[in-house]
Every structure is written in structure tokens, then in C-alpha cells.
Protein backbone atom coordinates (compact mmCIF):
# COMPACT_ATOMS: atom_id res chain seq x y z
CA MET A 1 22.39 15.21 7.78
CA SER A 2 25.72 16.61 6.45
CA LYS A 3 26.49 19.23 3.89
CA LYS A 4 27.72 16.43 1.62
CA GLN A 5 24.42 14.30 1.96
CA ARG A 6 22.34 17.39 1.52
CA MET A 7 24.23 17.88 -1.93
CA GLN A 8 24.04 14.52 -2.76
CA GLU A 9 20.57 14.30 -2.08
CA SER A 10 19.40 17.54 -3.92
CA ASN A 11 21.37 15.98 -6.83
CA SER A 12 19.75 12.39 -6.81
CA VAL A 13 16.19 13.25 -5.77
CA ARG A 14 12.95 14.50 -7.73
CA TRP A 15 10.09 15.51 -5.58
CA PRO A 16 6.42 15.86 -6.30
CA ALA A 17 5.49 19.29 -7.05
CA HIS A 18 3.58 19.99 -4.00
CA ALA A 19 6.56 19.05 -1.87
CA SER A 20 7.91 22.97 -2.81
CA LYS A 21 5.16 23.97 -0.17
CA LEU A 22 6.66 21.91 2.67
CA LYS A 23 8.85 23.17 5.76
CA ARG A 24 11.68 20.83 6.49
CA GLY A 25 13.08 20.09 9.77
CA PRO A 26 14.36 16.60 10.62
CA ALA A 27 15.05 14.15 8.31
CA VAL A 28 12.70 13.10 5.74
CA ILE A 29 11.50 9.84 4.25
CA LEU A 30 12.44 10.11 0.49
CA PRO A 31 10.17 9.42 -2.50
CA LYS A 32 11.92 5.94 -3.42
CA ASP A 33 11.27 4.76 0.14
CA PHE A 34 7.77 6.32 0.23
CA GLY A 35 6.96 4.47 -3.08
CA MET A 36 7.88 1.11 -1.59
CA ILE A 37 5.25 2.05 1.41
CA ALA A 38 2.63 3.03 -0.58
CA ALA A 39 2.88 -0.05 -3.10
CA LEU A 40 3.69 -2.59 -0.48
CA SER A 41 1.50 -1.81 2.32
CA GLY A 42 -1.65 -1.79 0.37
CA VAL A 43 -2.69 1.49 1.64
CA GLY A 44 -5.81 3.14 -0.30
CA LYS A 45 -8.50 5.66 -0.03
CA GLU A 46 -10.34 3.86 2.49
CA SER A 47 -7.50 3.24 4.80
CA LEU A 48 -6.84 4.42 8.60
CA VAL A 49 -3.36 4.99 9.05
CA LEU A 50 -1.38 5.55 11.96
CA ASP A 51 2.12 6.97 11.90
CA ALA A 52 4.42 7.37 14.62
CA GLY A 53 7.63 9.81 14.64
CA ALA A 54 5.96 12.14 12.27
CA GLY A 55 8.98 14.31 12.35
CA SER A 56 8.62 17.04 9.73
CA GLY A 57 5.00 15.44 8.65
CA TRP A 58 6.45 14.52 4.96
CA LEU A 59 5.27 10.78 5.37
CA ALA A 60 2.08 11.83 6.79
CA VAL A 61 1.39 14.30 4.07
CA GLN A 62 2.06 11.77 1.27
CA LEU A 63 0.17 9.18 2.93
CA GLY A 64 -2.94 11.79 3.45
CA ARG A 65 -2.92 12.19 -0.26
CA ILE A 66 -3.85 8.75 -1.00
CA ALA A 67 -5.56 7.53 2.53
CA LYS A 68 -8.83 8.25 3.76
CA LYS A 69 -7.58 9.26 7.59
CA VAL A 70 -3.84 9.72 8.91
CA VAL A 71 -3.22 10.19 12.61
CA SER A 72 0.42 11.13 12.92
CA TYR A 73 1.92 10.89 16.23
CA GLU A 74 5.13 13.13 17.37
CA MET A 75 6.63 13.06 20.91
CA ARG A 76 8.62 16.42 19.92
CA GLU A 77 6.60 19.72 20.39
CA GLU A 78 9.01 21.46 17.91
CA PHE A 79 8.29 18.92 15.40
CA SER A 80 4.79 18.35 15.86
CA LYS A 81 4.37 21.91 15.03
CA ILE A 82 6.34 21.63 11.66
CA ALA A 83 4.23 18.48 10.74
CA GLN A 84 0.86 20.29 11.65
CA GLY A 85 1.89 23.52 9.40
CA ASN A 86 2.81 21.07 6.51
CA ALA A 87 -0.55 19.15 6.60
CA LYS A 88 -2.08 22.80 6.40
CA ARG A 89 0.12 24.17 3.51
CA ILE A 90 -1.21 21.26 1.36
CA GLY A 91 -4.73 21.53 2.50
CA LEU A 92 -5.12 18.23 3.77
CA GLU A 93 -7.95 17.86 6.27
CA ASN A 94 -7.56 14.12 6.80
CA VAL A 95 -4.20 14.51 8.46
CA GLU A 96 -4.10 14.85 12.29
CA VAL A 97 -1.02 15.58 14.20
CA ARG A 98 -0.94 14.69 17.90
CA MET A 99 1.83 14.69 20.62
CA ARG A 100 2.58 11.49 22.45
CA ASP A 101 5.23 9.22 22.99
CA VAL A 102 3.44 5.97 21.77
CA ILE A 103 6.15 3.81 23.42
CA LYS A 104 4.84 4.54 26.46
CA ASP A 105 0.91 5.66 25.72
CA GLY A 106 0.45 3.82 22.51
CA PHE A 107 -2.63 4.36 20.28
CA ASP A 108 -5.99 5.79 20.67
CA GLU A 109 -7.20 4.08 17.66
CA LYS A 110 -8.57 0.56 16.58
CA GLU A 111 -8.77 -1.41 13.46
CA ALA A 112 -6.21 0.46 11.43
CA ASP A 113 -5.30 -0.83 8.32
CA LEU A 114 -1.72 0.36 8.36
CA VAL A 115 0.92 1.32 11.34
CA CYS A 116 4.21 3.09 10.16
CA LEU A 117 6.88 3.30 12.60
CA ASP A 118 9.94 5.91 12.21
CA PHE A 119 11.82 6.73 15.35
CA ALA A 120 14.56 5.21 17.51
CA ASP A 121 13.63 2.18 19.44
CA SER A 122 10.33 1.76 17.57
CA ASP A 123 10.61 -2.00 18.25
CA LYS A 124 9.42 -1.26 21.68
CA ALA A 125 6.33 0.04 20.21
CA VAL A 126 5.35 -3.10 18.24
CA PRO A 127 2.98 -4.16 20.96
CA HIS A 128 0.77 -1.00 20.47
CA ALA A 129 0.59 -1.20 16.59
CA ALA A 130 -0.67 -4.85 17.18
CA ALA A 131 -3.31 -3.71 19.37
CA ALA A 132 -4.42 -1.00 17.20
CA LEU A 133 -4.30 -2.68 13.90
CA LYS A 134 -7.02 -4.85 12.44
CA GLU A 135 -6.49 -8.50 11.34
CA GLY A 136 -4.40 -8.59 8.26
CA GLY A 137 -3.19 -4.76 8.97
CA ALA A 138 0.18 -4.24 7.79
CA LEU A 139 3.04 -2.69 10.13
CA VAL A 140 6.12 -0.75 8.42
CA GLY A 141 9.35 0.33 10.00
CA TYR A 142 11.59 2.39 8.66
CA LEU A 143 14.83 1.33 10.22
CA PRO A 144 18.29 3.32 9.57
CA HIS A 145 20.43 0.48 11.14
CA ALA A 146 20.68 -3.47 10.51
CA GLU A 147 20.50 -3.92 14.20
CA GLN A 148 17.29 -1.71 14.59
CA LEU A 149 16.14 -4.09 11.69
CA LYS A 150 16.54 -7.11 13.67
CA ALA A 151 14.98 -6.13 16.60
CA PHE A 152 12.06 -4.73 14.79
CA VAL A 153 11.20 -7.65 13.07
CA LEU A 154 12.02 -10.19 16.56
CA ALA A 155 9.53 -7.98 18.04
CA GLY A 156 6.79 -8.23 15.49
CA GLN A 157 7.27 -11.90 15.52
CA ALA A 158 6.74 -11.94 19.06
CA ASN A 159 3.64 -10.03 19.03
CA GLY A 160 1.33 -11.86 15.96
CA PHE A 161 3.29 -10.27 13.10
CA GLY A 162 3.90 -12.75 9.77
CA ASP A 163 4.91 -12.44 6.17
CA TRP A 164 7.69 -10.34 6.70
CA TYR A 165 9.37 -8.72 3.63
CA CYS A 166 12.31 -6.43 4.69
CA ILE A 167 14.33 -4.42 1.93
CA GLU A 168 16.28 -1.45 1.10
CA CYS A 169 15.52 0.64 -1.96
CA ASN A 170 18.76 2.22 -3.80
CA LEU A 171 18.24 4.70 -6.90
CA ARG A 172 20.35 5.69 -9.61
CA GLU A 173 19.26 7.97 -12.30
CA ILE A 174 19.68 6.89 -15.78
CA LEU A 175 21.07 9.81 -18.26
CA VAL A 176 19.37 9.97 -21.76
CA ARG A 177 21.52 12.00 -24.03
CA GLU A 178 22.11 11.89 -27.75
CA ALA A 179 25.73 10.75 -27.22
CA GLY A 180 24.60 7.89 -25.46
CA VAL A 181 22.44 6.25 -22.51
CA ARG A 182 24.08 5.37 -19.20
CA PRO A 183 23.50 5.45 -15.63
CA ALA A 184 24.75 8.50 -13.57
CA ASN A 185 27.76 8.09 -11.89
CA VAL A 186 26.32 8.89 -8.41
CA GLY A 187 23.19 7.41 -6.80
CA LEU A 188 21.12 7.61 -3.87
CA MET A 189 22.06 4.80 -1.89
CA HIS A 190 21.07 3.59 1.60
CA THR A 191 18.83 5.57 3.62
CA GLY A 192 17.11 3.22 5.50
CA TYR A 193 15.68 -0.62 5.81
CA LEU A 194 12.14 -1.22 5.40
CA ALA A 195 10.42 -3.68 7.46
CA PHE A 196 6.99 -4.99 6.17
CA GLY A 197 4.72 -7.45 8.41
CA ARG A 198 1.15 -8.26 8.28
CA LYS A 199 -0.97 -8.93 11.74
CA ILE A 200 -1.74 -12.59 11.44
CA ARG A 201 -2.86 -13.36 15.29
CA GLU A 202 -3.47 -11.19 18.23
CA PRO A 203 -0.08 -11.88 20.24
CA LYS A 204 -0.14 -13.58 23.21
CA MET A 205 -0.76 -11.70 26.49
CA GLY A 206 1.66 -12.81 29.68
């Protein structure tokens, strides 16, 4: 993230209070995008959630505050340590971070309620997500570029996912002042596309 982008984010984003305890390494999913993930995936207090591409672990921590169990996978050791530390800082015992390349090795869990994928070439992990999810379970991709979005959805369609809903969430603060109420001049615009799919059938093998 560039200095200009960091300045824009700091002026546009309001984080929950507990975020002040978290260490930040690689880029994180912002509240505006997490809110859509939480709302549209249906994640709740009985949900088993798998998160791949843990990065700094901020998404895993947010999900851990509302889900029963979160298992977050990260292939880079330095990021895995940051994510593990952040879960401990918040005191979340239901968040577990594991080192693994899920494109190569998949997930250990079955019958998950939600799988979130946030890393380059995440479309290649969609078959593993299908194997890990229960019928009706939600798949979410966080995808910076339109080409990645297309590849992700097509991979999902080929692996038993339907009911697709793809969005981006742009945010602009409203200034409330005695002199008048109006939108701020600068907003927080594109950070990533969100793709939501549901497992509607088992993928055809071979």
C-alpha cells in the first residue's frame, strides 16, 4: 500500500475499538468489506469457518468474534506469526492459525459453513473449498482485480457452486455540520471485489 493510500485509508476508515490492539503486516480486509462478508455469508455463533490467506489475521479475528470456530490457513511463516499473535491479543481461543498452501494441500476440515479465500490464484483452491464445505455452505472470494473475479466464479461454477452474487463496496462518509450536511469530498472506493457462492451440489470428479 502506498503512502497516499495509507493516508486516504486513515482519513476514511473507522475501526472497531479492539483493532487498536492488532498488529498489521500485509494488507487487511477493511470493515466495509468484512461487514458484507458477515451479512451475506450468514456466518453465526454455530458456524465453522475456514479462512485461507490469513495475512495479518484481521479477517480471522473479526470472524472469530461471531463464529464458533475459525481455522485460518497461511503459507508464509512471517504472516502466520502475526495472525497468531493478533488472535492472542484479542483473547480469542476459537481462532486457530495453520501454515499451509491450500492450493496444494487443501483443508483438513469437512462440513464447514463458510470458506473465505483471499490470496493470489485463489480460484485454484476452489475445488478444495468445495470438498470442505457442507451442502448449502458459503464460499467467499476477496479479489482485487476483475480478471481474478471472473476466474474465481468460473471455477466455482465448475465445482458445484451456484447462487452467485458479486459486488464491490464503496464507502463515503457523510459530514454532519451546523452549516449543512453533505458527503465528504473523498471516499474509500475500490479495495476488492467480493464474490459469494453457495455449494449446491458435489462437483463432478474427473
